[in-house]
């Protein structure tokens, strides 16, 4: 069997096993549909209201993509600034850590108050959630450059900027790739939380309204769309970054 078929089989098994367990719980325990609907009810809810899910899903996808781009740019920029200026790094590190230690729900209402119920507050929230893994992974790579390469650069009279751009940044790219992949995984969190706090459209708003009306099957359908978006974005980032560091190929997949 080819590796691709084996990988497809593993992915299919990873999807079917939780679905089978879910269906078994529904059949055996017989919970009320508003407590735990069966997969069949969720599929029917998706079929009945797919235009609504598609419309709100497009809004959430736009928020996630814009937040991912902004978060990656901010994170990579901060990592570069911290590498260029260790003093700035020492001053910025407590602020960056504090921004991640605050409960997301605590700052979401403030962002909605500042930026309104539209797109901007969700993008800012996603950026806050996303930038930290990028900045942390990239900065860690920038500060762990092979000392022998830096000595060689000093021997040839390279200045600080040349050492950064020619040696330290390329050596840190594997760390940046790891940060980008982690950011893609957590990207939906900020957008969805922002929509839960206050929004005029989006899958987070759909889930909140469906939960309030005890339309649990529709809420699960919206959640399935969020999961599909998260997986699609992660796969896209994987495809874009796979050949970014050809000198450091993955040894196992």
Foldseek 3Di string as FASTA:
>chain_A
DDPVVVVVVVVVCVVVVVLVVLQVCCVVVVDDCLVRNHPVLLVVLCVVCVVQLVVQLVLLLVLLVLLLVLLLVVLLVVLVVCLLPVVVVVVCVVVLVVLVPDPLLVCLVVLCVVPNQESPSLSVQLSSVQNVLLNVLLNVQLVPFDVVVVVVCVVVPHDPVCCCPVGRNLSSLVSNLVSSLVSLQCSSVSNLSSVCSHHPGHLNVVLVVCNVVSVVSNNVSSVVSVVVSSVVSSVVSCVVSQCVNVVDHDPDD
